[in-house]
PDB file of N, CA and C in Angstrom:
ATOM      1  N   MET A   1      -2.174 -29.539   1.074  1.00  0.00           N
ATOM      2  CA  MET A   1      -1.849 -28.434   0.244  1.00  0.00           C
ATOM      3  C   MET A   1      -0.501 -28.506  -0.293  1.00  0.00           C
ATOM      4  N   LYS A   2      -0.373 -28.201  -1.554  1.00  0.00           N
ATOM      5  CA  LYS A   2       0.919 -28.291  -2.275  1.00  0.00           C
ATOM      6  C   LYS A   2       1.379 -26.896  -2.573  1.00  0.00           C
ATOM      7  N   GLN A   3       2.751 -26.643  -2.330  1.00  0.00           N
ATOM      8  CA  GLN A   3       3.303 -25.371  -2.637  1.00  0.00           C
ATOM      9  C   GLN A   3       4.144 -25.451  -3.874  1.00  0.00           C
ATOM     10  N   PHE A   4       4.127 -24.298  -4.680  1.00  0.00           N
ATOM     11  CA  PHE A   4       4.870 -24.228  -5.867  1.00  0.00           C
ATOM     12  C   PHE A   4       5.527 -22.934  -5.978  1.00  0.00           C
ATOM     13  N   THR A   5       6.617 -22.792  -6.696  1.00  0.00           N
ATOM     14  CA  THR A   5       7.364 -21.550  -6.904  1.00  0.00           C
ATOM     15  C   THR A   5       7.546 -21.304  -8.386  1.00  0.00           C
ATOM     16  N   LYS A   6       7.312 -20.037  -8.813  1.00  0.00           N
ATOM     17  CA  LYS A   6       7.507 -19.687 -10.246  1.00  0.00           C
ATOM     18  C   LYS A   6       8.247 -18.438 -10.238  1.00  0.00           C
ATOM     19  N   ASN A   7       9.032 -18.151 -11.368  1.00  0.00           N
ATOM     20  CA  ASN A   7       9.642 -16.948 -11.557  1.00  0.00           C
ATOM     21  C   ASN A   7       8.656 -15.864 -12.132  1.00  0.00           C
ATOM     22  N   ILE A   8       8.743 -14.632 -11.702  1.00  0.00           N
ATOM     23  CA  ILE A   8       7.998 -13.576 -12.298  1.00  0.00           C
ATOM     24  C   ILE A   8       8.817 -13.075 -13.558  1.00  0.00           C
ATOM     25  N   THR A   9       8.361 -13.545 -14.672  1.00  0.00           N
ATOM     26  CA  THR A   9       9.050 -13.162 -15.876  1.00  0.00           C
ATOM     27  C   THR A   9       8.555 -11.759 -16.275  1.00  0.00           C
ATOM     28  N   LYS A  10       9.222 -11.102 -17.195  1.00  0.00           N
ATOM     29  CA  LYS A  10       8.815  -9.813 -17.545  1.00  0.00           C
ATOM     30  C   LYS A  10       7.383  -9.805 -18.099  1.00  0.00           C
ATOM     31  N   THR A  11       7.043 -10.919 -18.800  1.00  0.00           N
ATOM     32  CA  THR A  11       5.663 -11.019 -19.340  1.00  0.00           C
ATOM     33  C   THR A  11       4.688 -11.055 -18.166  1.00  0.00           C
ATOM     34  N   TYR A  12       4.883 -11.899 -17.196  1.00  0.00           N
ATOM     35  CA  TYR A  12       4.005 -12.040 -16.066  1.00  0.00           C
ATOM     36  C   TYR A  12       3.958 -10.579 -15.310  1.00  0.00           C
ATOM     37  N   TYR A  13       5.050  -9.954 -15.279  1.00  0.00           N
ATOM     38  CA  TYR A  13       5.108  -8.669 -14.639  1.00  0.00           C
ATOM     39  C   TYR A  13       4.296  -7.596 -15.319  1.00  0.00           C
ATOM     40  N   ASP A  14       4.300  -7.626 -16.620  1.00  0.00           N
ATOM     41  CA  ASP A  14       3.735  -6.659 -17.458  1.00  0.00           C
ATOM     42  C   ASP A  14       2.195  -6.961 -17.770  1.00  0.00           C
ATOM     43  N   GLN A  15       1.831  -8.172 -17.594  1.00  0.00           N
ATOM     44  CA  GLN A  15       0.406  -8.532 -18.077  1.00  0.00           C
ATOM     45  C   GLN A  15      -0.479  -8.895 -16.831  1.00  0.00           C
ATOM     46  N   ASN A  16      -1.685  -9.204 -17.143  1.00  0.00           N
ATOM     47  CA  ASN A  16      -2.678  -9.625 -16.069  1.00  0.00           C
ATOM     48  C   ASN A  16      -2.972 -11.060 -16.017  1.00  0.00           C
ATOM     49  N   TYR A  17      -2.034 -11.944 -16.539  1.00  0.00           N
ATOM     50  CA  TYR A  17      -2.319 -13.340 -16.431  1.00  0.00           C
ATOM     51  C   TYR A  17      -1.081 -14.081 -15.894  1.00  0.00           C
ATOM     52  N   PHE A  18      -1.288 -15.338 -15.547  1.00  0.00           N
ATOM     53  CA  PHE A  18      -0.183 -16.137 -14.997  1.00  0.00           C
ATOM     54  C   PHE A  18      -0.407 -17.582 -15.403  1.00  0.00           C
ATOM     55  N   ASN A  19       0.641 -18.238 -15.859  1.00  0.00           N
ATOM     56  CA  ASN A  19       0.660 -19.617 -16.149  1.00  0.00           C
ATOM     57  C   ASN A  19       1.204 -20.379 -14.898  1.00  0.00           C
ATOM     58  N   VAL A  20       0.506 -21.295 -14.366  1.00  0.00           N
ATOM     59  CA  VAL A  20       0.960 -21.858 -13.092  1.00  0.00           C
ATOM     60  C   VAL A  20       2.013 -22.911 -13.287  1.00  0.00           C
ATOM     61  N   GLY A  21       2.180 -23.466 -14.393  1.00  0.00           N
ATOM     62  CA  GLY A  21       3.194 -24.483 -14.669  1.00  0.00           C
ATOM     63  C   GLY A  21       2.600 -25.908 -14.693  1.00  0.00           C
ATOM     64  N   ALA A  22       3.456 -26.831 -15.120  1.00  0.00           N
ATOM     65  CA  ALA A  22       3.023 -28.226 -15.293  1.00  0.00           C
ATOM     66  C   ALA A  22       2.624 -28.883 -14.033  1.00  0.00           C
ATOM     67  N   LYS A  23       3.495 -28.822 -12.956  1.00  0.00           N
ATOM     68  CA  LYS A  23       3.234 -29.526 -11.710  1.00  0.00           C
ATOM     69  C   LYS A  23       1.937 -28.992 -11.081  1.00  0.00           C
ATOM     70  N   ALA A  24       1.848 -27.661 -11.037  1.00  0.00           N
ATOM     71  CA  ALA A  24       0.615 -27.062 -10.353  1.00  0.00           C
ATOM     72  C   ALA A  24      -0.654 -27.398 -11.178  1.00  0.00           C
ATOM     73  N   SER A  25      -0.555 -27.375 -12.471  1.00  0.00           N
ATOM     74  CA  SER A  25      -1.696 -27.565 -13.344  1.00  0.00           C
ATOM     75  C   SER A  25      -2.328 -28.958 -13.019  1.00  0.00           C
ATOM     76  N   ILE A  26      -1.582 -29.929 -12.696  1.00  0.00           N
ATOM     77  CA  ILE A  26      -2.102 -31.314 -12.382  1.00  0.00           C
ATOM     78  C   ILE A  26      -3.080 -31.266 -11.232  1.00  0.00           C
ATOM     79  N   ASN A  27      -2.842 -30.281 -10.290  1.00  0.00           N
ATOM     80  CA  ASN A  27      -3.618 -30.198  -9.112  1.00  0.00           C
ATOM     81  C   ASN A  27      -4.948 -29.282  -9.214  1.00  0.00           C
ATOM     82  N   LEU A  28      -5.121 -28.692 -10.405  1.00  0.00           N
ATOM     83  CA  LEU A  28      -6.160 -27.748 -10.539  1.00  0.00           C
ATOM     84  C   LEU A  28      -7.324 -28.389 -11.406  1.00  0.00           C
ATOM     85  N   GLY A  29      -8.477 -27.767 -11.383  1.00  0.00           N
ATOM     86  CA  GLY A  29      -9.679 -28.266 -12.032  1.00  0.00           C
ATOM     87  C   GLY A  29      -9.648 -28.210 -13.522  1.00  0.00           C
ATOM     88  N   ASP A  30     -10.771 -28.432 -14.146  1.00  0.00           N
ATOM     89  CA  ASP A  30     -10.938 -28.484 -15.587  1.00  0.00           C
ATOM     90  C   ASP A  30     -11.193 -27.157 -16.173  1.00  0.00           C
ATOM     91  N   HIS A  31     -10.936 -27.058 -17.437  1.00  0.00           N
ATOM     92  CA  HIS A  31     -11.111 -25.841 -18.223  1.00  0.00           C
ATOM     93  C   HIS A  31     -12.572 -25.255 -17.989  1.00  0.00           C
ATOM     94  N   GLY A  32     -12.610 -23.954 -17.666  1.00  0.00           N
ATOM     95  CA  GLY A  32     -13.932 -23.292 -17.496  1.00  0.00           C
ATOM     96  C   GLY A  32     -14.462 -23.281 -16.125  1.00  0.00           C
ATOM     97  N   GLU A  33     -13.770 -24.057 -15.202  1.00  0.00           N
ATOM     98  CA  GLU A  33     -14.247 -24.041 -13.807  1.00  0.00           C
ATOM     99  C   GLU A  33     -13.745 -22.755 -13.139  1.00  0.00           C
ATOM    100  N   ASN A  34     -14.479 -22.340 -12.130  1.00  0.00           N
ATOM    101  CA  ASN A  34     -14.175 -21.179 -11.336  1.00  0.00           C
ATOM    102  C   ASN A  34     -12.817 -21.366 -10.593  1.00  0.00           C
ATOM    103  N   LEU A  35     -12.082 -20.311 -10.447  1.00  0.00           N
ATOM    104  CA  LEU A  35     -10.797 -20.370  -9.683  1.00  0.00           C
ATOM    105  C   LEU A  35     -10.774 -19.121  -8.817  1.00  0.00           C
ATOM    106  N   LEU A  36     -10.532 -19.392  -7.534  1.00  0.00           N
ATOM    107  CA  LEU A  36     -10.366 -18.258  -6.600  1.00  0.00           C
ATOM    108  C   LEU A  36      -8.926 -18.081  -6.310  1.00  0.00           C
ATOM    109  N   ILE A  37      -8.465 -16.901  -6.468  1.00  0.00           N
ATOM    110  CA  ILE A  37      -7.049 -16.531  -6.124  1.00  0.00           C
ATOM    111  C   ILE A  37      -7.069 -15.684  -4.837  1.00  0.00           C
ATOM    112  N   ILE A  38      -6.469 -16.229  -3.865  1.00  0.00           N
ATOM    113  CA  ILE A  38      -6.346 -15.455  -2.560  1.00  0.00           C
ATOM    114  C   ILE A  38      -4.927 -14.860  -2.490  1.00  0.00           C
ATOM    115  N   LEU A  39      -4.895 -13.546  -2.520  1.00  0.00           N
ATOM    116  CA  LEU A  39      -3.602 -12.864  -2.441  1.00  0.00           C
ATOM    117  C   LEU A  39      -3.075 -12.813  -1.043  1.00  0.00           C
ATOM    118  N   SER A  40      -1.688 -12.612  -0.847  1.00  0.00           N
ATOM    119  CA  SER A  40      -1.150 -12.624   0.505  1.00  0.00           C
ATOM    120  C   SER A  40      -1.659 -11.505   1.311  1.00  0.00           C
ATOM    121  N   ASN A  41      -2.249 -10.469   0.764  1.00  0.00           N
ATOM    122  CA  ASN A  41      -2.835  -9.404   1.591  1.00  0.00           C
ATOM    123  C   ASN A  41      -4.315  -9.654   1.941  1.00  0.00           C
ATOM    124  N   GLY A  42      -4.785 -10.788   1.637  1.00  0.00           N
ATOM    125  CA  GLY A  42      -6.162 -11.241   1.929  1.00  0.00           C
ATOM    126  C   GLY A  42      -7.197 -10.942   0.854  1.00  0.00           C
ATOM    127  N   GLN A  43      -6.879 -10.164  -0.125  1.00  0.00           N
ATOM    128  CA  GLN A  43      -7.794  -9.830  -1.165  1.00  0.00           C
ATOM    129  C   GLN A  43      -8.065 -11.086  -2.010  1.00  0.00           C
ATOM    130  N   THR A  44      -9.272 -11.170  -2.463  1.00  0.00           N
ATOM    131  CA  THR A  44      -9.577 -12.386  -3.383  1.00  0.00           C
ATOM    132  C   THR A  44      -9.944 -11.883  -4.758  1.00  0.00           C
ATOM    133  N   ILE A  45      -9.468 -12.716  -5.731  1.00  0.00           N
ATOM    134  CA  ILE A  45      -9.723 -12.367  -7.120  1.00  0.00           C
ATOM    135  C   ILE A  45     -10.396 -13.607  -7.804  1.00  0.00           C
ATOM    136  N   PRO A  46     -11.641 -13.456  -8.250  1.00  0.00           N
ATOM    137  CA  PRO A  46     -12.270 -14.504  -8.920  1.00  0.00           C
ATOM    138  C   PRO A  46     -11.728 -14.653 -10.373  1.00  0.00           C
ATOM    139  N   SER A  47     -11.539 -15.869 -10.831  1.00  0.00           N
ATOM    140  CA  SER A  47     -11.028 -16.075 -12.166  1.00  0.00           C
ATOM    141  C   SER A  47     -11.703 -17.404 -12.723  1.00  0.00           C
ATOM    142  N   ILE A  48     -11.247 -17.788 -13.871  1.00  0.00           N
ATOM    143  CA  ILE A  48     -11.652 -18.994 -14.476  1.00  0.00           C
ATOM    144  C   ILE A  48     -10.428 -19.769 -14.916  1.00  0.00           C
ATOM    145  N   ILE A  49     -10.477 -21.137 -14.765  1.00  0.00           N
ATOM    146  CA  ILE A  49      -9.374 -21.940 -15.213  1.00  0.00           C
ATOM    147  C   ILE A  49      -9.336 -22.035 -16.734  1.00  0.00           C
ATOM    148  N   ASN A  50      -8.207 -21.678 -17.376  1.00  0.00           N
ATOM    149  CA  ASN A  50      -8.094 -21.709 -18.781  1.00  0.00           C
ATOM    150  C   ASN A  50      -7.104 -22.760 -19.176  1.00  0.00           C
ATOM    151  N   ARG A  51      -7.490 -23.829 -19.785  1.00  0.00           N
ATOM    152  CA  ARG A  51      -6.592 -24.864 -20.192  1.00  0.00           C
ATOM    153  C   ARG A  51      -6.511 -24.876 -21.748  1.00  0.00           C
ATOM    154  N   THR A  52      -7.131 -24.030 -22.493  1.00  0.00           N
ATOM    155  CA  THR A  52      -7.018 -24.034 -23.867  1.00  0.00           C
ATOM    156  C   THR A  52      -5.996 -23.048 -24.457  1.00  0.00           C
ATOM    157  N   ILE A  53      -5.647 -22.048 -23.774  1.00  0.00           N
ATOM    158  CA  ILE A  53      -4.702 -20.973 -24.275  1.00  0.00           C
ATOM    159  C   ILE A  53      -3.303 -21.627 -24.508  1.00  0.00           C
ATOM    160  N   ASN A  54      -2.877 -22.548 -23.636  1.00  0.00           N
ATOM    161  CA  ASN A  54      -1.600 -23.229 -23.873  1.00  0.00           C
ATOM    162  C   ASN A  54      -1.974 -24.589 -24.511  1.00  0.00           C
ATOM    163  N   ILE A  55      -2.292 -24.487 -25.817  1.00  0.00           N
ATOM    164  CA  ILE A  55      -2.858 -25.566 -26.530  1.00  0.00           C
ATOM    165  C   ILE A  55      -2.027 -26.854 -26.627  1.00  0.00           C
ATOM    166  N   ASN A  56      -0.696 -26.704 -26.581  1.00  0.00           N
ATOM    167  CA  ASN A  56       0.127 -27.923 -26.727  1.00  0.00           C
ATOM    168  C   ASN A  56       0.142 -28.753 -25.506  1.00  0.00           C
ATOM    169  N   ASN A  57       0.049 -28.092 -24.357  1.00  0.00           N
ATOM    170  CA  ASN A  57       0.164 -28.848 -23.094  1.00  0.00           C
ATOM    171  C   ASN A  57      -0.991 -28.786 -22.150  1.00  0.00           C
ATOM    172  N   ARG A  58      -1.943 -27.823 -22.307  1.00  0.00           N
ATOM    173  CA  ARG A  58      -3.160 -27.683 -21.493  1.00  0.00           C
ATOM    174  C   ARG A  58      -2.868 -27.324 -20.077  1.00  0.00           C
ATOM    175  N   TYR A  59      -1.689 -26.651 -19.813  1.00  0.00           N
ATOM    176  CA  TYR A  59      -1.374 -26.152 -18.509  1.00  0.00           C
ATOM    177  C   TYR A  59      -2.273 -24.967 -18.169  1.00  0.00           C
ATOM    178  N   VAL A  60      -2.575 -24.759 -16.939  1.00  0.00           N
ATOM    179  CA  VAL A  60      -3.478 -23.755 -16.549  1.00  0.00           C
ATOM    180  C   VAL A  60      -2.930 -22.284 -16.578  1.00  0.00           C
ATOM    181  N   ARG A  61      -3.690 -21.513 -17.138  1.00  0.00           N
ATOM    182  CA  ARG A  61      -3.508 -20.008 -17.132  1.00  0.00           C
ATOM    183  C   ARG A  61      -4.732 -19.443 -16.501  1.00  0.00           C
ATOM    184  N   PHE A  62      -4.478 -18.378 -15.659  1.00  0.00           N
ATOM    185  CA  PHE A  62      -5.635 -17.597 -15.206  1.00  0.00           C
ATOM    186  C   PHE A  62      -5.389 -16.197 -15.439  1.00  0.00           C
ATOM    187  N   TYR A  63      -6.429 -15.410 -15.647  1.00  0.00           N
ATOM    188  CA  TYR A  63      -6.427 -14.029 -15.825  1.00  0.00           C
ATOM    189  C   TYR A  63      -6.922 -13.339 -14.553  1.00  0.00           C
ATOM    190  N   GLY A  64      -6.201 -12.395 -14.000  1.00  0.00           N
ATOM    191  CA  GLY A  64      -6.501 -11.793 -12.850  1.00  0.00           C
ATOM    192  C   GLY A  64      -6.967 -10.323 -12.891  1.00  0.00           C
ATOM    193  N   GLY A  65      -6.926  -9.769 -14.098  1.00  0.00           N
ATOM    194  CA  GLY A  65      -7.357  -8.416 -14.305  1.00  0.00           C
ATOM    195  C   GLY A  65      -6.433  -7.378 -13.726  1.00  0.00           C
ATOM    196  N   ILE A  66      -6.858  -6.161 -13.478  1.00  0.00           N
ATOM    197  CA  ILE A  66      -6.106  -5.062 -13.020  1.00  0.00           C
ATOM    198  C   ILE A  66      -5.683  -5.403 -11.569  1.00  0.00           C
ATOM    199  N   GLU A  67      -6.511  -6.056 -10.789  1.00  0.00           N
ATOM    200  CA  GLU A  67      -6.213  -6.410  -9.420  1.00  0.00           C
ATOM    201  C   GLU A  67      -4.887  -7.271  -9.358  1.00  0.00           C
ATOM    202  N   TRP A  68      -4.892  -8.285 -10.265  1.00  0.00           N
ATOM    203  CA  TRP A  68      -3.705  -9.113 -10.233  1.00  0.00           C
ATOM    204  C   TRP A  68      -2.425  -8.357 -10.663  1.00  0.00           C
ATOM    205  N   HIS A  69      -2.586  -7.602 -11.781  1.00  0.00           N
ATOM    206  CA  HIS A  69      -1.493  -6.785 -12.217  1.00  0.00           C
ATOM    207  C   HIS A  69      -0.913  -5.813 -11.088  1.00  0.00           C
ATOM    208  N   GLN A  70      -1.790  -5.197 -10.439  1.00  0.00           N
ATOM    209  CA  GLN A  70      -1.388  -4.206  -9.415  1.00  0.00           C
ATOM    210  C   GLN A  70      -0.695  -4.971  -8.243  1.00  0.00           C
ATOM    211  N   PHE A  71      -1.258  -6.087  -7.920  1.00  0.00           N
ATOM    212  CA  PHE A  71      -0.669  -6.941  -6.840  1.00  0.00           C
ATOM    213  C   PHE A  71       0.721  -7.282  -7.210  1.00  0.00           C
ATOM    214  N   ILE A  72       0.916  -7.802  -8.418  1.00  0.00           N
ATOM    215  CA  ILE A  72       2.249  -8.232  -8.818  1.00  0.00           C
ATOM    216  C   ILE A  72       3.239  -7.022  -8.852  1.00  0.00           C
ATOM    217  N   THR A  73       2.849  -5.949  -9.504  1.00  0.00           N
ATOM    218  CA  THR A  73       3.823  -4.792  -9.563  1.00  0.00           C
ATOM    219  C   THR A  73       4.020  -4.138  -8.249  1.00  0.00           C
ATOM    220  N   ASN A  74       3.123  -4.229  -7.304  1.00  0.00           N
ATOM    221  CA  ASN A  74       3.358  -3.639  -6.005  1.00  0.00           C
ATOM    222  C   ASN A  74       4.177  -4.568  -5.070  1.00  0.00           C
ATOM    223  N   ASN A  75       4.329  -5.838  -5.314  1.00  0.00           N
ATOM    224  CA  ASN A  75       4.887  -6.758  -4.387  1.00  0.00           C
ATOM    225  C   ASN A  75       6.117  -7.563  -4.961  1.00  0.00           C
ATOM    226  N   TYR A  76       6.283  -7.507  -6.257  1.00  0.00           N
ATOM    227  CA  TYR A  76       7.403  -8.273  -6.901  1.00  0.00           C
ATOM    228  C   TYR A  76       8.114  -7.435  -7.907  1.00  0.00           C
ATOM    229  N   LYS A  77       9.305  -7.930  -8.194  1.00  0.00           N
ATOM    230  CA  LYS A  77      10.086  -7.339  -9.238  1.00  0.00           C
ATOM    231  C   LYS A  77      10.267  -8.413 -10.341  1.00  0.00           C
ATOM    232  N   PRO A  78      10.564  -8.053 -11.577  1.00  0.00           N
ATOM    233  CA  PRO A  78      10.789  -9.035 -12.597  1.00  0.00           C
ATOM    234  C   PRO A  78      12.036  -9.886 -12.132  1.00  0.00           C
ATOM    235  N   LYS A  79      11.932 -11.143 -12.413  1.00  0.00           N
ATOM    236  CA  LYS A  79      12.909 -12.174 -12.064  1.00  0.00           C
ATOM    237  C   LYS A  79      12.875 -12.622 -10.618  1.00  0.00           C
ATOM    238  N   SER A  80      11.927 -12.033  -9.821  1.00  0.00           N
ATOM    239  CA  SER A  80      11.765 -12.532  -8.437  1.00  0.00           C
ATOM    240  C   SER A  80      10.919 -13.780  -8.477  1.00  0.00           C
ATOM    241  N   LYS A  81      10.775 -14.410  -7.351  1.00  0.00           N
ATOM    242  CA  LYS A  81       9.913 -15.672  -7.296  1.00  0.00           C
ATOM    243  C   LYS A  81       8.644 -15.393  -6.445  1.00  0.00           C
ATOM    244  N   ILE A  82       7.634 -16.048  -7.016  1.00  0.00           N
ATOM    245  CA  ILE A  82       6.297 -16.036  -6.312  1.00  0.00           C
ATOM    246  C   ILE A  82       6.043 -17.489  -5.840  1.00  0.00           C
ATOM    247  N   VAL A  83       5.544 -17.606  -4.608  1.00  0.00           N
ATOM    248  CA  VAL A  83       5.267 -18.906  -3.994  1.00  0.00           C
ATOM    249  C   VAL A  83       3.762 -18.951  -3.844  1.00  0.00           C
ATOM    250  N   PHE A  84       3.074 -20.056  -4.194  1.00  0.00           N
ATOM    251  CA  PHE A  84       1.635 -20.155  -4.008  1.00  0.00           C
ATOM    252  C   PHE A  84       1.402 -21.636  -3.693  1.00  0.00           C
ATOM    253  N   GLU A  85       0.222 -21.818  -3.024  1.00  0.00           N
ATOM    254  CA  GLU A  85      -0.195 -23.136  -2.720  1.00  0.00           C
ATOM    255  C   GLU A  85      -1.592 -23.364  -3.378  1.00  0.00           C
ATOM    256  N   ILE A  86      -1.812 -24.662  -3.620  1.00  0.00           N
ATOM    257  CA  ILE A  86      -3.100 -24.999  -4.153  1.00  0.00           C
ATOM    258  C   ILE A  86      -3.862 -25.652  -3.048  1.00  0.00           C
ATOM    259  N   SER A  87      -4.897 -24.970  -2.538  1.00  0.00           N
ATOM    260  CA  SER A  87      -5.746 -25.467  -1.448  1.00  0.00           C
ATOM    261  C   SER A  87      -6.647 -26.562  -1.827  1.00  0.00           C
ATOM    262  N   ASN A  88      -7.204 -26.455  -3.008  1.00  0.00           N
ATOM    263  CA  ASN A  88      -8.062 -27.404  -3.591  1.00  0.00           C
ATOM    264  C   ASN A  88      -8.096 -27.197  -5.125  1.00  0.00           C
ATOM    265  N   ARG A  89      -8.834 -27.950  -5.876  1.00  0.00           N
ATOM    266  CA  ARG A  89      -8.852 -27.855  -7.328  1.00  0.00           C
ATOM    267  C   ARG A  89      -9.256 -26.531  -7.886  1.00  0.00           C
ATOM    268  N   ASN A  90      -9.852 -25.607  -7.007  1.00  0.00           N
ATOM    269  CA  ASN A  90     -10.259 -24.318  -7.497  1.00  0.00           C
ATOM    270  C   ASN A  90      -9.862 -23.168  -6.636  1.00  0.00           C
ATOM    271  N   THR A  91      -8.741 -23.311  -5.865  1.00  0.00           N
ATOM    272  CA  THR A  91      -8.284 -22.219  -5.034  1.00  0.00           C
ATOM    273  C   THR A  91      -6.772 -22.256  -5.048  1.00  0.00           C
ATOM    274  N   ILE A  92      -6.218 -21.016  -5.396  1.00  0.00           N
ATOM    275  CA  ILE A  92      -4.759 -20.787  -5.324  1.00  0.00           C
ATOM    276  C   ILE A  92      -4.522 -19.683  -4.201  1.00  0.00           C
ATOM    277  N   LYS A  93      -3.633 -19.939  -3.327  1.00  0.00           N
ATOM    278  CA  LYS A  93      -3.331 -18.933  -2.302  1.00  0.00           C
ATOM    279  C   LYS A  93      -1.843 -18.475  -2.466  1.00  0.00           C
ATOM    280  N   ILE A  94      -1.643 -17.205  -2.581  1.00  0.00           N
ATOM    281  CA  ILE A  94      -0.317 -16.682  -2.741  1.00  0.00           C
ATOM    282  C   ILE A  94       0.306 -16.643  -1.336  1.00  0.00           C
ATOM    283  N   ILE A  95       1.527 -17.134  -1.163  1.00  0.00           N
ATOM    284  CA  ILE A  95       2.260 -17.112   0.142  1.00  0.00           C
ATOM    285  C   ILE A  95       2.999 -15.753   0.190  1.00  0.00           C
ATOM    286  N   PRO A  96       2.878 -15.127   1.323  1.00  0.00           N
ATOM    287  CA  PRO A  96       3.600 -13.830   1.466  1.00  0.00           C
ATOM    288  C   PRO A  96       5.080 -13.945   1.310  1.00  0.00           C
ATOM    289  N   ASN A  97       5.717 -12.912   0.724  1.00  0.00           N
ATOM    290  CA  ASN A  97       7.154 -12.896   0.669  1.00  0.00           C
ATOM    291  C   ASN A  97       7.740 -12.754   2.053  1.00  0.00           C
ATOM    292  N   VAL A  98       8.896 -13.415   2.283  1.00  0.00           N
ATOM    293  CA  VAL A  98       9.483 -13.389   3.589  1.00  0.00           C
ATOM    294  C   VAL A  98      10.731 -12.510   3.561  1.00  0.00           C
TER     295      VAL A  98
END
């Protein structure tokens, strides 16, 4: 399992999507495959890997809907860091804040 850290930008804080970044994208599946996001509180959010929205680089973006947005706004502040690990090509697990 590989861990990654990203900043919660204002955009990520205000929206219901997240770009995992270049290094994390290498470890995730193909466009259109299912993606399971496991939040640090144990809740799971089903999503889809999107590699076409970032057309220049094909880095992964996922949409988590209202559940993702609520999780982010309840647990993070803008400019804070989120740590996640990629368990397999189709699973991201959010590591609890310490």
